[in-house]
Amino acid sequence: MGKEILQLENTNANDFKNEIVKDVTNALKGYAETLQNPDVNKLLSRQETADLLGVSLVSIWDWTRKDIIPAYRIGNKIRYKKNEVLEALQKHNKFNK
C-alpha cells in the first residue's frame, strides 16, 4: 500500500494538537455512551420501531422507502438499528433547527 501524505497549511502546532484532542475526546465520549447504554445498538423489528416512534407500520415502510430511516435486510426480515432510527429523527426534525 502506498504512503498517504497529509499536508497542513495555515495552522500552528498548538491549534493542530487541540483539534486532535477535541476529535479524540468526542470519539471517546461516543464510545463511553455506547458502553453505558448497550441497548442503543439493538436491532429492532418493524413493529418495535413503529412502537418506539409511536407511528404505524405504514409510516415505517414509507420512511424506509424514502431513506428517512436506514433499514437492514436479514434474510427475509427487515431490521432497524435503534441508534440510527433516533439519529434519523433528529436529523429530520423541523422544529429542532
N, C-alpha and C. Protein backbone atom coordinates (compact mmCIF):
# COMPACT_ATOMS: atom_id res chain seq x y z
N MET A 1 0.84 -1.17 0.00
CA MET A 1 0.00 0.00 0.00
C MET A 1 0.89 1.24 0.00
N GLY A 2 0.51 2.28 -0.75
CA GLY A 2 1.31 3.49 -0.86
C GLY A 2 1.19 4.37 0.36
N LYS A 3 2.09 5.32 0.43
CA LYS A 3 2.08 6.28 1.53
C LYS A 3 0.96 7.28 1.35
N GLU A 4 0.37 7.67 2.47
CA GLU A 4 -0.59 8.76 2.46
C GLU A 4 0.09 9.99 3.02
N ILE A 5 -0.07 11.10 2.35
CA ILE A 5 0.57 12.33 2.78
C ILE A 5 -0.49 13.32 3.21
N LEU A 6 -0.28 13.87 4.39
CA LEU A 6 -1.17 14.89 4.92
C LEU A 6 -0.40 16.20 4.95
N GLN A 7 -0.93 17.19 4.26
CA GLN A 7 -0.27 18.49 4.20
C GLN A 7 -1.13 19.51 4.93
N LEU A 8 -0.54 20.18 5.89
CA LEU A 8 -1.24 21.18 6.67
C LEU A 8 -0.70 22.56 6.33
N GLU A 9 -1.62 23.46 6.17
CA GLU A 9 -1.24 24.84 5.89
C GLU A 9 -2.03 25.76 6.81
N ASN A 10 -1.47 26.89 7.11
CA ASN A 10 -2.14 27.92 7.90
C ASN A 10 -2.59 27.43 9.27
N THR A 11 -1.78 26.63 9.91
CA THR A 11 -2.08 26.19 11.28
C THR A 11 -0.78 26.06 12.05
N ASN A 12 -0.88 26.27 13.33
CA ASN A 12 0.32 26.09 14.15
C ASN A 12 0.20 24.78 14.93
N ALA A 13 1.27 24.39 15.55
CA ALA A 13 1.32 23.10 16.25
C ALA A 13 0.28 23.04 17.36
N ASN A 14 0.09 24.11 18.10
CA ASN A 14 -0.86 24.11 19.21
C ASN A 14 -2.30 23.94 18.72
N ASP A 15 -2.67 24.65 17.66
CA ASP A 15 -4.02 24.51 17.09
C ASP A 15 -4.23 23.10 16.57
N PHE A 16 -3.22 22.55 15.92
CA PHE A 16 -3.31 21.19 15.39
C PHE A 16 -3.50 20.19 16.52
N LYS A 17 -2.74 20.35 17.59
CA LYS A 17 -2.85 19.47 18.77
C LYS A 17 -4.25 19.57 19.36
N ASN A 18 -4.78 20.78 19.49
CA ASN A 18 -6.11 20.99 20.07
C ASN A 18 -7.20 20.32 19.23
N GLU A 19 -7.07 20.38 17.92
CA GLU A 19 -8.04 19.71 17.04
C GLU A 19 -8.00 18.20 17.22
N ILE A 20 -6.81 17.64 17.33
CA ILE A 20 -6.68 16.20 17.54
C ILE A 20 -7.29 15.79 18.88
N VAL A 21 -6.97 16.54 19.93
CA VAL A 21 -7.50 16.24 21.26
C VAL A 21 -9.03 16.33 21.25
N LYS A 22 -9.57 17.35 20.60
CA LYS A 22 -11.02 17.52 20.53
C LYS A 22 -11.68 16.33 19.83
N ASP A 23 -11.13 15.90 18.70
CA ASP A 23 -11.71 14.78 17.95
C ASP A 23 -11.60 13.47 18.72
N VAL A 24 -10.48 13.23 19.37
CA VAL A 24 -10.31 12.01 20.16
C VAL A 24 -11.27 12.02 21.35
N THR A 25 -11.42 13.17 22.00
CA THR A 25 -12.35 13.30 23.13
C THR A 25 -13.78 13.00 22.70
N ASN A 26 -14.19 13.54 21.56
CA ASN A 26 -15.55 13.29 21.05
C ASN A 26 -15.75 11.81 20.73
N ALA A 27 -14.75 11.18 20.13
CA ALA A 27 -14.84 9.76 19.81
C ALA A 27 -14.96 8.93 21.07
N LEU A 28 -14.19 9.27 22.09
CA LEU A 28 -14.24 8.52 23.35
C LEU A 28 -15.58 8.73 24.07
N LYS A 29 -16.14 9.93 23.98
CA LYS A 29 -17.44 10.18 24.59
C LYS A 29 -18.51 9.30 23.94
N GLY A 30 -18.47 9.21 22.62
CA GLY A 30 -19.42 8.36 21.91
C GLY A 30 -19.26 6.90 22.29
N TYR A 31 -18.02 6.46 22.43
CA TYR A 31 -17.75 5.08 22.82
C TYR A 31 -18.23 4.84 24.25
N ALA A 32 -18.00 5.78 25.14
CA ALA A 32 -18.44 5.65 26.54
C ALA A 32 -19.96 5.58 26.62
N GLU A 33 -20.65 6.39 25.83
CA GLU A 33 -22.11 6.36 25.83
C GLU A 33 -22.62 5.00 25.36
N THR A 34 -21.96 4.43 24.37
CA THR A 34 -22.35 3.11 23.87
C THR A 34 -22.15 2.05 24.94
N LEU A 35 -21.06 2.14 25.68
CA LEU A 35 -20.80 1.18 26.75
C LEU A 35 -21.82 1.33 27.88
N GLN A 36 -22.20 2.55 28.18
CA GLN A 36 -23.15 2.80 29.26
C GLN A 36 -24.57 2.39 28.86
N ASN A 37 -24.87 2.44 27.58
CA ASN A 37 -26.21 2.11 27.10
C ASN A 37 -26.09 1.12 25.94
N PRO A 38 -25.84 -0.17 26.24
CA PRO A 38 -25.66 -1.14 25.16
C PRO A 38 -26.92 -1.35 24.33
N ASP A 39 -28.07 -0.94 24.88
CA ASP A 39 -29.34 -1.08 24.17
C ASP A 39 -29.39 -0.22 22.91
N VAL A 40 -28.52 0.78 22.83
CA VAL A 40 -28.56 1.74 21.73
C VAL A 40 -28.26 1.08 20.37
N ASN A 41 -27.48 0.00 20.35
CA ASN A 41 -27.15 -0.68 19.09
C ASN A 41 -28.07 -1.86 18.80
N LYS A 42 -29.14 -1.97 19.56
CA LYS A 42 -30.07 -3.08 19.42
C LYS A 42 -30.77 -3.03 18.06
N LEU A 43 -30.94 -4.21 17.46
CA LEU A 43 -31.70 -4.31 16.23
C LEU A 43 -33.18 -4.44 16.57
N LEU A 44 -33.99 -3.63 15.92
CA LEU A 44 -35.43 -3.61 16.17
C LEU A 44 -36.18 -4.16 14.97
N SER A 45 -37.29 -4.83 15.24
CA SER A 45 -38.18 -5.26 14.17
C SER A 45 -38.98 -4.06 13.67
N ARG A 46 -39.75 -4.25 12.62
CA ARG A 46 -40.59 -3.16 12.12
C ARG A 46 -41.58 -2.72 13.20
N GLN A 47 -42.19 -3.71 13.87
CA GLN A 47 -43.18 -3.39 14.90
C GLN A 47 -42.55 -2.67 16.08
N GLU A 48 -41.37 -3.12 16.51
CA GLU A 48 -40.68 -2.45 17.63
C GLU A 48 -40.31 -1.03 17.26
N THR A 49 -39.91 -0.83 16.01
CA THR A 49 -39.56 0.52 15.54
C THR A 49 -40.79 1.41 15.51
N ALA A 50 -41.90 0.87 15.01
CA ALA A 50 -43.15 1.63 14.99
C ALA A 50 -43.58 1.99 16.40
N ASP A 51 -43.47 1.03 17.33
CA ASP A 51 -43.85 1.29 18.72
C ASP A 51 -42.93 2.35 19.35
N LEU A 52 -41.63 2.26 19.07
CA LEU A 52 -40.67 3.23 19.60
C LEU A 52 -41.03 4.64 19.16
N LEU A 53 -41.41 4.78 17.89
CA LEU A 53 -41.69 6.10 17.33
C LEU A 53 -43.16 6.51 17.48
N GLY A 54 -44.00 5.57 17.87
CA GLY A 54 -45.42 5.88 18.03
C GLY A 54 -46.12 6.13 16.71
N VAL A 55 -45.72 5.37 15.69
CA VAL A 55 -46.33 5.52 14.37
C VAL A 55 -46.79 4.15 13.86
N SER A 56 -47.46 4.14 12.73
CA SER A 56 -47.97 2.90 12.16
C SER A 56 -46.88 2.19 11.35
N LEU A 57 -47.14 0.91 11.05
CA LEU A 57 -46.23 0.16 10.19
C LEU A 57 -46.17 0.76 8.78
N VAL A 58 -47.26 1.35 8.36
CA VAL A 58 -47.29 2.01 7.04
C VAL A 58 -46.30 3.18 7.02
N SER A 59 -46.27 3.95 8.09
CA SER A 59 -45.32 5.07 8.18
C SER A 59 -43.88 4.57 8.16
N ILE A 60 -43.61 3.48 8.91
CA ILE A 60 -42.26 2.91 8.93
C ILE A 60 -41.87 2.47 7.52
N TRP A 61 -42.77 1.80 6.83
CA TRP A 61 -42.49 1.35 5.46
C TRP A 61 -42.20 2.55 4.56
N ASP A 62 -43.03 3.60 4.67
CA ASP A 62 -42.87 4.79 3.84
C ASP A 62 -41.54 5.48 4.13
N TRP A 63 -41.17 5.64 5.40
CA TRP A 63 -39.91 6.29 5.77
C TRP A 63 -38.72 5.46 5.32
N THR A 64 -38.87 4.14 5.36
CA THR A 64 -37.78 3.27 4.88
C THR A 64 -37.62 3.42 3.38
N ARG A 65 -38.73 3.40 2.67
CA ARG A 65 -38.71 3.54 1.21
C ARG A 65 -38.10 4.87 0.78
N LYS A 66 -38.34 5.92 1.55
CA LYS A 66 -37.83 7.26 1.23
C LYS A 66 -36.44 7.50 1.82
N ASP A 67 -35.82 6.47 2.40
CA ASP A 67 -34.49 6.56 3.02
C ASP A 67 -34.43 7.60 4.14
N ILE A 68 -35.53 7.77 4.84
CA ILE A 68 -35.53 8.65 6.00
C ILE A 68 -34.92 7.92 7.19
N ILE A 69 -35.26 6.65 7.32
CA ILE A 69 -34.63 5.81 8.35
C ILE A 69 -33.95 4.63 7.66
N PRO A 70 -32.70 4.33 8.03
CA PRO A 70 -31.98 3.23 7.39
C PRO A 70 -32.48 1.88 7.90
N ALA A 71 -32.55 0.92 6.99
CA ALA A 71 -33.03 -0.42 7.32
C ALA A 71 -32.03 -1.45 6.82
N TYR A 72 -32.10 -2.62 7.42
CA TYR A 72 -31.21 -3.74 7.06
C TYR A 72 -32.06 -4.97 6.80
N ARG A 73 -31.79 -5.64 5.70
CA ARG A 73 -32.48 -6.88 5.40
C ARG A 73 -31.61 -8.02 5.91
N ILE A 74 -32.19 -8.84 6.78
CA ILE A 74 -31.51 -10.01 7.31
C ILE A 74 -32.41 -11.19 6.94
N GLY A 75 -31.99 -11.94 5.94
CA GLY A 75 -32.85 -12.99 5.41
C GLY A 75 -34.06 -12.33 4.78
N ASN A 76 -35.24 -12.72 5.23
CA ASN A 76 -36.46 -12.09 4.70
C ASN A 76 -37.05 -11.09 5.70
N LYS A 77 -36.28 -10.71 6.69
CA LYS A 77 -36.74 -9.78 7.73
C LYS A 77 -36.07 -8.42 7.55
N ILE A 78 -36.77 -7.39 7.93
CA ILE A 78 -36.24 -6.02 7.92
C ILE A 78 -35.97 -5.63 9.37
N ARG A 79 -34.79 -5.09 9.62
CA ARG A 79 -34.41 -4.66 10.96
C ARG A 79 -33.88 -3.23 10.91
N TYR A 80 -33.99 -2.56 12.03
CA TYR A 80 -33.55 -1.18 12.18
C TYR A 80 -32.65 -1.09 13.40
N LYS A 81 -31.56 -0.33 13.28
CA LYS A 81 -30.70 -0.08 14.45
C LYS A 81 -31.31 1.08 15.22
N LYS A 82 -31.52 0.84 16.51
CA LYS A 82 -32.20 1.83 17.35
C LYS A 82 -31.50 3.19 17.31
N ASN A 83 -30.16 3.18 17.43
CA ASN A 83 -29.45 4.46 17.43
C ASN A 83 -29.58 5.20 16.10
N GLU A 84 -29.60 4.46 14.99
CA GLU A 84 -29.73 5.10 13.68
C GLU A 84 -31.13 5.67 13.48
N VAL A 85 -32.14 4.98 14.00
CA VAL A 85 -33.51 5.48 13.91
C VAL A 85 -33.63 6.80 14.67
N LEU A 86 -33.08 6.82 15.88
CA LEU A 86 -33.16 8.05 16.69
C LEU A 86 -32.36 9.19 16.08
N GLU A 87 -31.19 8.88 15.50
CA GLU A 87 -30.39 9.91 14.81
C GLU A 87 -31.13 10.45 13.60
N ALA A 88 -31.78 9.57 12.84
CA ALA A 88 -32.52 10.00 11.65
C ALA A 88 -33.66 10.94 12.04
N LEU A 89 -34.30 10.64 13.15
CA LEU A 89 -35.37 11.53 13.62
C LEU A 89 -34.83 12.91 13.96
N GLN A 90 -33.70 12.94 14.64
CA GLN A 90 -33.09 14.24 14.99
C GLN A 90 -32.74 15.02 13.73
N LYS A 91 -32.21 14.32 12.74
CA LYS A 91 -31.79 14.97 11.51
C LYS A 91 -32.97 15.55 10.74
N HIS A 92 -34.12 14.89 10.79
CA HIS A 92 -35.28 15.32 10.03
C HIS A 92 -36.28 16.14 10.85
N ASN A 93 -35.92 16.46 12.08
CA ASN A 93 -36.81 17.22 12.96
C ASN A 93 -36.81 18.69 12.53
N LYS A 94 -37.91 19.15 11.98
CA LYS A 94 -38.01 20.53 11.50
C LYS A 94 -38.02 21.54 12.64
N PHE A 95 -38.43 21.11 13.82
CA PHE A 95 -38.56 22.03 14.95
C PHE A 95 -37.28 22.13 15.76
N ASN A 96 -36.28 21.35 15.41
CA ASN A 96 -35.03 21.31 16.18
C ASN A 96 -33.97 22.23 15.58
N LYS A 97 -34.34 23.07 14.66
CA LYS A 97 -33.34 23.89 13.96
C LYS A 97 -33.33 25.30 14.46
